[in-house]
Amino acid sequence: MRRFVVAGTGRSGTRYIQSVLRKCGLRVSHEQIFCPSGVREWGNRHGESSGLAPPFLKDHYPGILVLHQVRHPLAVIRSMLSRRTSTRAKQYEKQFLVPTGFPDLDFKNDRMRRATLMWLHRNELVDAAKPAMRWRVEELDLPTLRGVLDLIGWDAGDDVLEEALAKTSTSLNRSNRKHPMPEWSDLPADLRARTVNLAREYGYPI
């Protein structure tokens, strides 16, 4: 069995997949190991599901099984715009996003740019780590989940997997504040093509 991390962006369903995998019998934490301050001890965990892991994967934590869960960029951006920015997210952004070339990013007033950059930056970091598998969270089904568990090296029957998928709510960590779904044209002009191209690469219709 291999120790693993399911990595993605914030608001991409990392808590959802953690719940699914736990129902399959795995000991999986959510954003407890990979933090802006560094990597904590694994303890007895089999794996971690985290939107904070991407900066650590390629150079700082080699050898781990990297799995990549993605969500449609417009849905992620809408979700980010619907929520207040947490202290951990602000710490992540200042430590990892600003040094990549956006020192003047106004986190408070340019929230569309911030959300678009977060989707791009974290997914591109996971891509650089060469994940063993990628899937779209909107299409997580029994064959996909079976493929994930086979890579990890965890044996569970189809009945267990089917129950895990059926009984896990897709509304975990949902905000009551709703922002209108953005259009592609709403994205910052200098980031739009890059976002569209990556979404197309992940198999989303444009």
N, C-alpha and C. Protein backbone atom coordinates (compact mmCIF):
# COMPACT_ATOMS: atom_id res chain seq x y z
N MET A 1 0.84 -1.20 0.00
CA MET A 1 0.00 0.00 0.00
C MET A 1 0.88 1.25 0.00
N ARG A 2 0.43 2.24 -0.73
CA ARG A 2 1.20 3.48 -0.86
C ARG A 2 0.53 4.63 -0.12
N ARG A 3 1.35 5.41 0.56
CA ARG A 3 0.86 6.63 1.18
C ARG A 3 0.55 7.63 0.06
N PHE A 4 -0.52 8.39 0.22
CA PHE A 4 -1.00 9.18 -0.91
C PHE A 4 -1.51 10.55 -0.46
N VAL A 5 -1.61 11.43 -1.43
CA VAL A 5 -2.29 12.70 -1.24
C VAL A 5 -3.19 12.95 -2.44
N VAL A 6 -4.44 13.29 -2.17
CA VAL A 6 -5.35 13.79 -3.20
C VAL A 6 -5.24 15.30 -3.18
N ALA A 7 -4.66 15.86 -4.21
CA ALA A 7 -4.39 17.30 -4.25
C ALA A 7 -5.29 17.98 -5.27
N GLY A 8 -5.54 19.25 -5.02
CA GLY A 8 -6.34 20.05 -5.94
C GLY A 8 -6.29 21.49 -5.50
N THR A 9 -7.30 22.23 -5.86
CA THR A 9 -7.42 23.61 -5.41
C THR A 9 -8.35 23.65 -4.21
N GLY A 10 -8.37 24.79 -3.53
CA GLY A 10 -9.44 25.00 -2.58
C GLY A 10 -10.77 25.00 -3.33
N ARG A 11 -11.82 24.53 -2.68
CA ARG A 11 -13.17 24.51 -3.25
C ARG A 11 -13.30 23.53 -4.42
N SER A 12 -12.45 22.49 -4.43
CA SER A 12 -12.51 21.50 -5.52
C SER A 12 -13.03 20.15 -5.05
N GLY A 13 -13.56 20.10 -3.83
CA GLY A 13 -14.14 18.86 -3.34
C GLY A 13 -13.17 17.98 -2.57
N THR A 14 -12.10 18.57 -2.02
CA THR A 14 -11.14 17.75 -1.28
C THR A 14 -11.75 17.17 0.00
N ARG A 15 -12.65 17.91 0.62
CA ARG A 15 -13.32 17.35 1.80
C ARG A 15 -14.29 16.24 1.40
N TYR A 16 -14.91 16.40 0.27
CA TYR A 16 -15.83 15.36 -0.24
C TYR A 16 -15.09 14.05 -0.49
N ILE A 17 -13.96 14.09 -1.21
CA ILE A 17 -13.24 12.86 -1.51
C ILE A 17 -12.64 12.26 -0.24
N GLN A 18 -12.27 13.10 0.72
CA GLN A 18 -11.81 12.57 2.00
C GLN A 18 -12.90 11.72 2.64
N SER A 19 -14.13 12.23 2.63
CA SER A 19 -15.24 11.51 3.24
C SER A 19 -15.51 10.20 2.51
N VAL A 20 -15.45 10.23 1.19
CA VAL A 20 -15.66 9.01 0.40
C VAL A 20 -14.60 7.96 0.75
N LEU A 21 -13.34 8.38 0.76
CA LEU A 21 -12.25 7.43 1.03
C LEU A 21 -12.31 6.89 2.46
N ARG A 22 -12.73 7.70 3.39
CA ARG A 22 -12.87 7.23 4.77
C ARG A 22 -13.96 6.17 4.87
N LYS A 23 -15.03 6.34 4.11
CA LYS A 23 -16.10 5.34 4.10
C LYS A 23 -15.65 4.04 3.45
N CYS A 24 -14.56 4.11 2.67
CA CYS A 24 -13.98 2.90 2.08
C CYS A 24 -13.02 2.22 3.06
N GLY A 25 -12.80 2.81 4.22
CA GLY A 25 -11.97 2.20 5.25
C GLY A 25 -10.60 2.81 5.42
N LEU A 26 -10.26 3.81 4.63
CA LEU A 26 -8.94 4.43 4.71
C LEU A 26 -8.91 5.52 5.79
N ARG A 27 -7.75 5.68 6.39
CA ARG A 27 -7.55 6.76 7.36
C ARG A 27 -6.99 7.97 6.60
N VAL A 28 -7.87 8.94 6.34
CA VAL A 28 -7.54 10.08 5.50
C VAL A 28 -7.87 11.37 6.24
N SER A 29 -6.92 12.28 6.30
CA SER A 29 -7.16 13.59 6.92
C SER A 29 -7.42 14.63 5.82
N HIS A 30 -7.93 15.76 6.27
CA HIS A 30 -8.19 16.86 5.33
C HIS A 30 -7.43 18.10 5.78
N GLU A 31 -6.41 18.46 5.00
CA GLU A 31 -5.62 19.67 5.23
C GLU A 31 -5.06 19.74 6.65
N GLN A 32 -4.57 18.59 7.12
CA GLN A 32 -3.93 18.52 8.43
C GLN A 32 -2.42 18.28 8.33
N ILE A 33 -1.97 17.71 7.22
CA ILE A 33 -0.55 17.39 7.04
C ILE A 33 0.17 18.49 6.28
N PHE A 34 -0.39 18.88 5.15
CA PHE A 34 0.22 19.94 4.33
C PHE A 34 -0.39 21.28 4.73
N CYS A 35 0.43 22.18 5.24
CA CYS A 35 -0.02 23.47 5.73
C CYS A 35 0.93 24.56 5.23
N PRO A 36 0.48 25.81 5.22
CA PRO A 36 1.40 26.89 4.80
C PRO A 36 2.69 26.91 5.61
N SER A 37 2.64 26.45 6.85
CA SER A 37 3.84 26.46 7.69
C SER A 37 4.76 25.28 7.42
N GLY A 38 4.32 24.31 6.63
CA GLY A 38 5.16 23.16 6.31
C GLY A 38 4.39 21.86 6.36
N VAL A 39 5.12 20.75 6.37
CA VAL A 39 4.52 19.42 6.38
C VAL A 39 4.59 18.84 7.78
N ARG A 40 3.45 18.42 8.29
CA ARG A 40 3.38 17.83 9.62
C ARG A 40 3.57 16.31 9.54
N GLU A 41 3.65 15.69 10.70
CA GLU A 41 3.82 14.24 10.77
C GLU A 41 2.57 13.52 10.25
N TRP A 42 2.78 12.39 9.57
CA TRP A 42 1.68 11.62 9.02
C TRP A 42 0.95 10.82 10.10
N GLY A 43 1.66 10.43 11.15
CA GLY A 43 1.03 9.58 12.15
C GLY A 43 0.62 8.26 11.53
N ASN A 44 -0.60 7.81 11.85
CA ASN A 44 -1.07 6.53 11.30
C ASN A 44 -1.98 6.70 10.10
N ARG A 45 -1.96 7.85 9.50
CA ARG A 45 -2.83 8.10 8.34
C ARG A 45 -2.34 7.33 7.10
N HIS A 46 -3.30 6.90 6.31
CA HIS A 46 -2.97 6.33 5.00
C HIS A 46 -2.73 7.44 3.98
N GLY A 47 -3.46 8.54 4.13
CA GLY A 47 -3.34 9.60 3.14
C GLY A 47 -3.95 10.90 3.62
N GLU A 48 -3.87 11.88 2.73
CA GLU A 48 -4.33 13.24 3.01
C GLU A 48 -5.05 13.76 1.77
N SER A 49 -6.12 14.47 1.99
CA SER A 49 -6.82 15.18 0.91
C SER A 49 -6.68 16.66 1.18
N SER A 50 -6.13 17.42 0.21
CA SER A 50 -5.74 18.78 0.56
C SER A 50 -5.66 19.71 -0.64
N GLY A 51 -6.22 20.90 -0.45
CA GLY A 51 -6.01 21.97 -1.41
C GLY A 51 -4.79 22.79 -1.09
N LEU A 52 -4.10 22.47 0.01
CA LEU A 52 -2.90 23.20 0.42
C LEU A 52 -1.62 22.45 0.08
N ALA A 53 -1.74 21.23 -0.43
CA ALA A 53 -0.56 20.40 -0.69
C ALA A 53 0.26 20.79 -1.92
N PRO A 54 -0.34 21.37 -2.98
CA PRO A 54 0.40 21.53 -4.25
C PRO A 54 1.81 22.09 -4.17
N PRO A 55 2.12 23.13 -3.36
CA PRO A 55 3.50 23.66 -3.38
C PRO A 55 4.55 22.68 -2.87
N PHE A 56 4.12 21.66 -2.12
CA PHE A 56 5.08 20.76 -1.49
C PHE A 56 5.36 19.50 -2.31
N LEU A 57 4.60 19.27 -3.36
CA LEU A 57 4.61 17.95 -3.98
C LEU A 57 5.84 17.66 -4.83
N LYS A 58 6.24 18.59 -5.67
CA LYS A 58 7.27 18.29 -6.66
C LYS A 58 8.67 18.24 -6.05
N ASP A 59 9.03 19.25 -5.29
CA ASP A 59 10.41 19.37 -4.80
C ASP A 59 10.57 19.03 -3.33
N HIS A 60 9.51 19.19 -2.56
CA HIS A 60 9.64 19.08 -1.11
C HIS A 60 9.19 17.73 -0.56
N TYR A 61 8.43 16.97 -1.34
CA TYR A 61 7.93 15.72 -0.80
C TYR A 61 7.88 14.66 -1.90
N PRO A 62 9.03 14.25 -2.42
CA PRO A 62 9.07 13.26 -3.49
C PRO A 62 8.71 11.87 -2.97
N GLY A 63 8.23 11.03 -3.85
CA GLY A 63 7.96 9.64 -3.50
C GLY A 63 6.54 9.34 -3.09
N ILE A 64 5.76 10.35 -2.77
CA ILE A 64 4.39 10.12 -2.38
C ILE A 64 3.53 9.89 -3.64
N LEU A 65 2.47 9.10 -3.50
CA LEU A 65 1.53 8.89 -4.60
C LEU A 65 0.64 10.12 -4.72
N VAL A 66 0.76 10.83 -5.82
CA VAL A 66 0.00 12.05 -6.03
C VAL A 66 -1.21 11.74 -6.91
N LEU A 67 -2.38 12.09 -6.43
CA LEU A 67 -3.64 11.94 -7.15
C LEU A 67 -4.26 13.33 -7.29
N HIS A 68 -4.82 13.60 -8.45
CA HIS A 68 -5.25 14.97 -8.77
C HIS A 68 -6.76 14.99 -9.01
N GLN A 69 -7.47 15.68 -8.14
CA GLN A 69 -8.91 15.89 -8.34
C GLN A 69 -9.13 17.32 -8.82
N VAL A 70 -9.89 17.46 -9.90
CA VAL A 70 -10.15 18.79 -10.45
C VAL A 70 -11.66 19.05 -10.45
N ARG A 71 -11.97 20.32 -10.47
CA ARG A 71 -13.35 20.79 -10.57
C ARG A 71 -13.38 21.91 -11.60
N HIS A 72 -14.50 22.08 -12.26
CA HIS A 72 -14.62 23.11 -13.30
C HIS A 72 -14.19 24.47 -12.75
N PRO A 73 -13.34 25.19 -13.48
CA PRO A 73 -12.81 26.45 -12.94
C PRO A 73 -13.88 27.47 -12.59
N LEU A 74 -14.92 27.58 -13.40
CA LEU A 74 -15.94 28.58 -13.11
C LEU A 74 -16.70 28.23 -11.82
N ALA A 75 -16.89 26.93 -11.57
CA ALA A 75 -17.54 26.52 -10.32
C ALA A 75 -16.64 26.79 -9.12
N VAL A 76 -15.35 26.55 -9.26
CA VAL A 76 -14.41 26.84 -8.18
C VAL A 76 -14.36 28.33 -7.90
N ILE A 77 -14.26 29.12 -8.96
CA ILE A 77 -14.18 30.57 -8.81
C ILE A 77 -15.45 31.10 -8.15
N ARG A 78 -16.60 30.60 -8.59
CA ARG A 78 -17.86 31.03 -7.97
C ARG A 78 -17.86 30.70 -6.48
N SER A 79 -17.40 29.49 -6.13
CA SER A 79 -17.38 29.09 -4.73
C SER A 79 -16.45 29.97 -3.91
N MET A 80 -15.29 30.30 -4.48
CA MET A 80 -14.35 31.18 -3.78
C MET A 80 -14.95 32.57 -3.57
N LEU A 81 -15.65 33.06 -4.58
CA LEU A 81 -16.25 34.39 -4.48
C LEU A 81 -17.42 34.41 -3.49
N SER A 82 -17.98 33.24 -3.20
CA SER A 82 -19.12 33.14 -2.29
C SER A 82 -18.71 33.04 -0.83
N ARG A 83 -17.41 32.92 -0.58
CA ARG A 83 -16.93 32.71 0.78
C ARG A 83 -15.95 33.80 1.19
N ARG A 84 -15.88 34.05 2.48
CA ARG A 84 -14.84 34.92 3.01
C ARG A 84 -13.51 34.16 2.99
N THR A 85 -12.45 34.88 2.74
CA THR A 85 -11.14 34.25 2.67
C THR A 85 -10.65 33.91 4.06
N SER A 86 -10.31 32.64 4.28
CA SER A 86 -9.86 32.20 5.59
C SER A 86 -8.44 32.68 5.87
N THR A 87 -8.07 32.66 7.14
CA THR A 87 -6.71 33.05 7.52
C THR A 87 -5.68 32.14 6.89
N ARG A 88 -5.97 30.82 6.81
CA ARG A 88 -5.04 29.88 6.21
C ARG A 88 -4.87 30.16 4.72
N ALA A 89 -5.97 30.51 4.05
CA ALA A 89 -5.88 30.81 2.63
C ALA A 89 -5.05 32.06 2.38
N LYS A 90 -5.23 33.06 3.21
CA LYS A 90 -4.45 34.29 3.07
C LYS A 90 -2.97 34.00 3.28
N GLN A 91 -2.67 33.16 4.27
CA GLN A 91 -1.27 32.80 4.53
C GLN A 91 -0.68 32.06 3.34
N TYR A 92 -1.45 31.13 2.78
CA TYR A 92 -1.01 30.38 1.60
C TYR A 92 -0.71 31.33 0.45
N GLU A 93 -1.61 32.23 0.19
CA GLU A 93 -1.47 33.13 -0.95
C GLU A 93 -0.24 34.02 -0.81
N LYS A 94 -0.04 34.58 0.35
CA LYS A 94 1.10 35.47 0.55
C LYS A 94 2.42 34.73 0.46
N GLN A 95 2.42 33.45 0.89
CA GLN A 95 3.66 32.68 0.89
C GLN A 95 3.99 32.08 -0.47
N PHE A 96 2.95 31.64 -1.20
CA PHE A 96 3.20 30.88 -2.42
C PHE A 96 2.74 31.57 -3.70
N LEU A 97 1.72 32.41 -3.62
CA LEU A 97 1.17 33.00 -4.84
C LEU A 97 1.86 34.32 -5.19
N VAL A 98 2.01 35.19 -4.22
CA VAL A 98 2.63 36.49 -4.47
C VAL A 98 4.04 36.35 -5.06
N PRO A 99 4.90 35.47 -4.54
CA PRO A 99 6.26 35.37 -5.10
C PRO A 99 6.31 34.87 -6.54
N THR A 100 5.19 34.35 -7.08
CA THR A 100 5.24 33.82 -8.44
C THR A 100 5.05 34.90 -9.50
N GLY A 101 5.00 36.15 -9.09
CA GLY A 101 4.93 37.21 -10.09
C GLY A 101 3.77 38.16 -9.95
N PHE A 102 3.08 38.12 -8.82
CA PHE A 102 1.93 39.00 -8.62
C PHE A 102 2.07 39.76 -7.30
N PRO A 103 3.16 40.51 -7.12
CA PRO A 103 3.40 41.17 -5.84
C PRO A 103 2.39 42.25 -5.51
N ASP A 104 1.69 42.77 -6.51
CA ASP A 104 0.76 43.86 -6.26
C ASP A 104 -0.69 43.39 -6.22
N LEU A 105 -0.90 42.08 -6.14
CA LEU A 105 -2.25 41.55 -6.12
C LEU A 105 -3.00 42.07 -4.90
N ASP A 106 -4.17 42.68 -5.15
CA ASP A 106 -5.01 43.21 -4.08
C ASP A 106 -5.99 42.11 -3.68
N PHE A 107 -5.68 41.39 -2.59
CA PHE A 107 -6.48 40.25 -2.21
C PHE A 107 -7.89 40.63 -1.79
N LYS A 108 -8.06 41.85 -1.28
CA LYS A 108 -9.36 42.25 -0.78
C LYS A 108 -10.28 42.74 -1.88
N ASN A 109 -9.73 43.50 -2.83
CA ASN A 109 -10.59 44.17 -3.81
C ASN A 109 -10.57 43.53 -5.20
N ASP A 110 -9.61 42.66 -5.47
CA ASP A 110 -9.56 42.02 -6.79
C ASP A 110 -9.81 40.53 -6.61
N ARG A 111 -10.99 40.19 -6.14
CA ARG A 111 -11.29 38.82 -5.76
C ARG A 111 -11.41 37.90 -6.96
N MET A 112 -11.86 38.41 -8.11
CA MET A 112 -11.95 37.58 -9.31
C MET A 112 -10.56 37.15 -9.76
N ARG A 113 -9.62 38.09 -9.76
CA ARG A 113 -8.24 37.75 -10.14
C ARG A 113 -7.65 36.75 -9.15
N ARG A 114 -7.87 37.00 -7.87
CA ARG A 114 -7.35 36.10 -6.84
C ARG A 114 -7.87 34.68 -7.05
N ALA A 115 -9.19 34.54 -7.25
CA ALA A 115 -9.79 33.22 -7.40
C ALA A 115 -9.28 32.52 -8.66
N THR A 116 -9.16 33.26 -9.75
CA THR A 116 -8.68 32.67 -11.00
C THR A 116 -7.23 32.20 -10.84
N LEU A 117 -6.41 33.03 -10.21
CA LEU A 117 -5.01 32.66 -9.99
C LEU A 117 -4.89 31.44 -9.08
N MET A 118 -5.74 31.35 -8.08
CA MET A 118 -5.67 30.21 -7.18
C MET A 118 -5.98 28.91 -7.92
N TRP A 119 -7.00 28.94 -8.79
CA TRP A 119 -7.32 27.73 -9.56
C TRP A 119 -6.17 27.34 -10.47
N LEU A 120 -5.60 28.33 -11.16
CA LEU A 120 -4.49 28.05 -12.05
C LEU A 120 -3.25 27.58 -11.30
N HIS A 121 -2.86 28.34 -10.30
CA HIS A 121 -1.60 28.10 -9.61
C HIS A 121 -1.56 26.72 -8.96
N ARG A 122 -2.59 26.37 -8.24
CA ARG A 122 -2.56 25.09 -7.53
C ARG A 122 -2.63 23.92 -8.50
N ASN A 123 -3.48 24.02 -9.52
CA ASN A 123 -3.57 22.92 -10.48
C ASN A 123 -2.26 22.75 -11.27
N GLU A 124 -1.64 23.85 -11.64
CA GLU A 124 -0.38 23.75 -12.38
C GLU A 124 0.72 23.13 -11.51
N LEU A 125 0.69 23.41 -10.21
CA LEU A 125 1.67 22.79 -9.31
C LEU A 125 1.44 21.28 -9.20
N VAL A 126 0.19 20.86 -9.15
CA VAL A 126 -0.09 19.42 -9.11
C VAL A 126 0.34 18.77 -10.42
N ASP A 127 0.07 19.43 -11.54
CA ASP A 127 0.50 18.90 -12.84
C ASP A 127 2.01 18.70 -12.87
N ALA A 128 2.75 19.64 -12.29
CA ALA A 128 4.21 19.56 -12.28
C ALA A 128 4.71 18.36 -11.48
N ALA A 129 3.89 17.88 -10.54
CA ALA A 129 4.26 16.72 -9.73
C ALA A 129 3.95 15.40 -10.43
N LYS A 130 3.41 15.48 -11.65
CA LYS A 130 3.12 14.30 -12.48
C LYS A 130 2.22 13.31 -11.72
N PRO A 131 0.98 13.68 -11.49
CA PRO A 131 0.08 12.80 -10.74
C PRO A 131 -0.16 11.48 -11.45
N ALA A 132 -0.34 10.44 -10.64
CA ALA A 132 -0.57 9.10 -11.19
C ALA A 132 -1.96 8.97 -11.80
N MET A 133 -2.88 9.83 -11.36
CA MET A 133 -4.26 9.77 -11.86
C MET A 133 -4.91 11.12 -11.66
N ARG A 134 -5.79 11.47 -12.58
CA ARG A 134 -6.58 12.69 -12.46
C ARG A 134 -8.03 12.36 -12.79
N TRP A 135 -8.95 12.98 -12.07
CA TRP A 135 -10.36 12.82 -12.39
C TRP A 135 -11.10 14.11 -12.10
N ARG A 136 -12.25 14.25 -12.75
CA ARG A 136 -13.13 15.39 -12.52
C ARG A 136 -14.10 15.00 -11.40
N VAL A 137 -14.16 15.81 -10.35
CA VAL A 137 -14.97 15.47 -9.20
C VAL A 137 -16.44 15.35 -9.58
N GLU A 138 -16.86 16.10 -10.58
CA GLU A 138 -18.26 16.04 -11.01
C GLU A 138 -18.63 14.67 -11.57
N GLU A 139 -17.62 13.88 -11.95
CA GLU A 139 -17.88 12.59 -12.59
C GLU A 139 -17.32 11.42 -11.78
N LEU A 140 -17.07 11.63 -10.50
CA LEU A 140 -16.57 10.55 -9.67
C LEU A 140 -17.61 9.44 -9.59
N ASP A 141 -17.24 8.24 -10.07
CA ASP A 141 -18.16 7.12 -10.09
C ASP A 141 -17.43 5.86 -9.61
N LEU A 142 -18.11 4.75 -9.67
CA LEU A 142 -17.54 3.50 -9.16
C LEU A 142 -16.24 3.10 -9.88
N PRO A 143 -16.20 3.10 -11.23
CA PRO A 143 -14.94 2.72 -11.88
C PRO A 143 -13.78 3.67 -11.54
N THR A 144 -14.08 4.96 -11.43
CA THR A 144 -13.02 5.92 -11.09
C THR A 144 -12.52 5.68 -9.67
N LEU A 145 -13.45 5.49 -8.75
CA LEU A 145 -13.06 5.23 -7.36
C LEU A 145 -12.28 3.93 -7.26
N ARG A 146 -12.68 2.92 -8.00
CA ARG A 146 -11.95 1.66 -8.01
C ARG A 146 -10.53 1.88 -8.51
N GLY A 147 -10.35 2.72 -9.53
CA GLY A 147 -9.02 3.01 -10.04
C GLY A 147 -8.16 3.71 -9.01
N VAL A 148 -8.76 4.60 -8.23
CA VAL A 148 -8.02 5.29 -7.16
C VAL A 148 -7.53 4.28 -6.13
N LEU A 149 -8.43 3.42 -5.68
CA LEU A 149 -8.06 2.45 -4.65
C LEU A 149 -7.04 1.44 -5.15
N ASP A 150 -7.12 1.06 -6.41
CA ASP A 150 -6.13 0.13 -6.97
C ASP A 150 -4.73 0.75 -6.94
N LEU A 151 -4.64 2.05 -7.26
CA LEU A 151 -3.34 2.72 -7.22
C LEU A 151 -2.80 2.79 -5.79
N ILE A 152 -3.68 3.05 -4.85
CA ILE A 152 -3.27 3.12 -3.45
C ILE A 152 -2.86 1.74 -2.93
N GLY A 153 -3.54 0.72 -3.47
CA GLY A 153 -3.29 -0.63 -2.99
C GLY A 153 -4.22 -1.03 -1.87
N TRP A 154 -5.46 -0.54 -1.93
CA TRP A 154 -6.46 -0.80 -0.90
C TRP A 154 -7.59 -1.62 -1.48
N ASP A 155 -7.94 -2.70 -0.81
CA ASP A 155 -8.96 -3.60 -1.31
C ASP A 155 -10.27 -3.37 -0.58
N ALA A 156 -11.30 -3.10 -1.34
CA ALA A 156 -12.66 -2.96 -0.79
C ALA A 156 -13.63 -3.40 -1.87
N GLY A 157 -14.71 -4.02 -1.44
CA GLY A 157 -15.68 -4.54 -2.38
C GLY A 157 -16.49 -3.44 -3.06
N ASP A 158 -17.09 -3.79 -4.20
CA ASP A 158 -17.90 -2.82 -4.92
C ASP A 158 -19.07 -2.32 -4.07
N ASP A 159 -19.59 -3.20 -3.20
CA ASP A 159 -20.70 -2.77 -2.35
C ASP A 159 -20.27 -1.66 -1.40
N VAL A 160 -19.03 -1.74 -0.91
CA VAL A 160 -18.50 -0.70 -0.02
C VAL A 160 -18.33 0.61 -0.79
N LEU A 161 -17.79 0.52 -2.00
CA LEU A 161 -17.57 1.72 -2.82
C LEU A 161 -18.89 2.37 -3.20
N GLU A 162 -19.86 1.54 -3.59
CA GLU A 162 -21.16 2.08 -3.98
C GLU A 162 -21.83 2.79 -2.81
N GLU A 163 -21.72 2.21 -1.61
CA GLU A 163 -22.31 2.83 -0.43
C GLU A 163 -21.59 4.13 -0.08
N ALA A 164 -20.26 4.12 -0.23
CA ALA A 164 -19.48 5.33 0.07
C ALA A 164 -19.91 6.48 -0.84
N LEU A 165 -20.10 6.20 -2.11
CA LEU A 165 -20.52 7.23 -3.06
C LEU A 165 -21.96 7.67 -2.80
N ALA A 166 -22.82 6.71 -2.47
CA ALA A 166 -24.24 7.03 -2.29
C ALA A 166 -24.49 7.83 -1.01
N LYS A 167 -23.69 7.56 0.02
CA LYS A 167 -23.98 8.16 1.33
C LYS A 167 -23.14 9.39 1.65
N THR A 168 -22.26 9.79 0.74
CA THR A 168 -21.46 10.99 0.98
C THR A 168 -22.13 12.18 0.32
N SER A 169 -22.45 13.17 1.12
CA SER A 169 -23.10 14.37 0.61
C SER A 169 -22.13 15.18 -0.25
N THR A 170 -22.63 15.71 -1.33
CA THR A 170 -21.83 16.61 -2.16
C THR A 170 -21.93 18.05 -1.67
N SER A 171 -22.63 18.25 -0.56
CA SER A 171 -22.83 19.60 -0.02
C SER A 171 -21.90 19.90 1.15
N LEU A 172 -20.87 19.08 1.35
CA LEU A 172 -19.94 19.32 2.44
C LEU A 172 -19.25 20.66 2.27
N ASN A 173 -19.13 21.39 3.37
CA ASN A 173 -18.37 22.65 3.37
C ASN A 173 -18.96 23.69 2.43
N ARG A 174 -20.27 23.66 2.24
CA ARG A 174 -20.93 24.60 1.33
C ARG A 174 -21.27 25.89 2.04
N SER A 175 -21.12 26.99 1.34
CA SER A 175 -21.45 28.30 1.90
C SER A 175 -22.89 28.65 1.58
N ASN A 176 -23.53 29.37 2.49
CA ASN A 176 -24.89 29.85 2.25
C ASN A 176 -24.90 31.12 1.40
N ARG A 177 -23.74 31.74 1.25
CA ARG A 177 -23.64 32.94 0.42
C ARG A 177 -23.44 32.51 -1.02
N LYS A 178 -24.24 33.01 -1.92
CA LYS A 178 -24.19 32.58 -3.31
C LYS A 178 -23.77 33.73 -4.22
N HIS A 179 -22.74 33.49 -4.98
CA HIS A 179 -22.31 34.44 -5.99
C HIS A 179 -22.80 33.92 -7.33
N PRO A 180 -23.22 34.79 -8.24
CA PRO A 180 -23.65 34.31 -9.57
C PRO A 180 -22.52 33.54 -10.26
N MET A 181 -22.91 32.53 -11.03
CA MET A 181 -21.91 31.77 -11.77
C MET A 181 -21.23 32.68 -12.79
N PRO A 182 -19.91 32.82 -12.73
CA PRO A 182 -19.23 33.69 -13.69
C PRO A 182 -19.22 33.09 -15.09
N GLU A 183 -19.04 33.95 -16.06
CA GLU A 183 -18.83 33.52 -17.45
C GLU A 183 -17.34 33.58 -17.74
N TRP A 184 -16.93 32.92 -18.82
CA TRP A 184 -15.51 33.00 -19.22
C TRP A 184 -15.09 34.45 -19.42
N SER A 185 -16.01 35.25 -19.95
CA SER A 185 -15.68 36.65 -20.23
C SER A 185 -15.47 37.48 -18.97
N ASP A 186 -15.91 36.95 -17.81
CA ASP A 186 -15.72 37.67 -16.55
C ASP A 186 -14.30 37.52 -16.00
N LEU A 187 -13.55 36.54 -16.48
CA LEU A 187 -12.21 36.30 -15.97
C LEU A 187 -11.27 37.40 -16.43
N PRO A 188 -10.22 37.68 -15.67
CA PRO A 188 -9.25 38.70 -16.08
C PRO A 188 -8.71 38.37 -17.48
N ALA A 189 -8.65 39.37 -18.33
CA ALA A 189 -8.30 39.15 -19.73
C ALA A 189 -6.95 38.46 -19.89
N ASP A 190 -5.99 38.81 -19.04
CA ASP A 190 -4.65 38.24 -19.19
C ASP A 190 -4.54 36.82 -18.66
N LEU A 191 -5.57 36.34 -17.97
CA LEU A 191 -5.57 34.98 -17.45
C LEU A 191 -6.58 34.07 -18.14
N ARG A 192 -7.42 34.65 -19.00
CA ARG A 192 -8.55 33.91 -19.56
C ARG A 192 -8.11 32.75 -20.44
N ALA A 193 -7.22 32.99 -21.38
CA ALA A 193 -6.81 31.93 -22.30
C ALA A 193 -6.11 30.80 -21.56
N ARG A 194 -5.29 31.16 -20.59
CA ARG A 194 -4.58 30.15 -19.80
C ARG A 194 -5.57 29.27 -19.03
N THR A 195 -6.60 29.88 -18.49
CA THR A 195 -7.61 29.13 -17.74
C THR A 195 -8.42 28.24 -18.67
N VAL A 196 -8.83 28.79 -19.80
CA VAL A 196 -9.61 28.02 -20.78
C VAL A 196 -8.81 26.82 -21.28
N ASN A 197 -7.55 27.04 -21.60
CA ASN A 197 -6.72 25.95 -22.13
C ASN A 197 -6.54 24.84 -21.12
N LEU A 198 -6.34 25.19 -19.86
CA LEU A 198 -6.15 24.15 -18.85
C LEU A 198 -7.46 23.41 -18.59
N ALA A 199 -8.57 24.14 -18.57
CA ALA A 199 -9.87 23.48 -18.41
C ALA A 199 -10.13 22.51 -19.56
N ARG A 200 -9.80 22.91 -20.76
CA ARG A 200 -9.97 22.02 -21.91
C ARG A 200 -9.08 20.79 -21.79
N GLU A 201 -7.86 20.99 -21.32
CA GLU A 201 -6.94 19.87 -21.11
C GLU A 201 -7.51 18.88 -20.10
N TYR A 202 -8.23 19.37 -19.12
CA TYR A 202 -8.83 18.50 -18.11
C TYR A 202 -10.15 17.87 -18.58
N GLY A 203 -10.57 18.19 -19.78
CA GLY A 203 -11.74 17.55 -20.36
C GLY A 203 -13.05 18.28 -20.17
N TYR A 204 -12.98 19.55 -19.74
CA TYR A 204 -14.21 20.30 -19.57
C TYR A 204 -14.63 20.95 -20.89
N PRO A 205 -15.92 20.93 -21.20
CA PRO A 205 -16.39 21.61 -22.41
C PRO A 205 -16.26 23.12 -22.26
N ILE A 206 -15.87 23.77 -23.33
CA ILE A 206 -15.67 25.22 -23.31
C ILE A 206 -16.78 25.88 -24.11
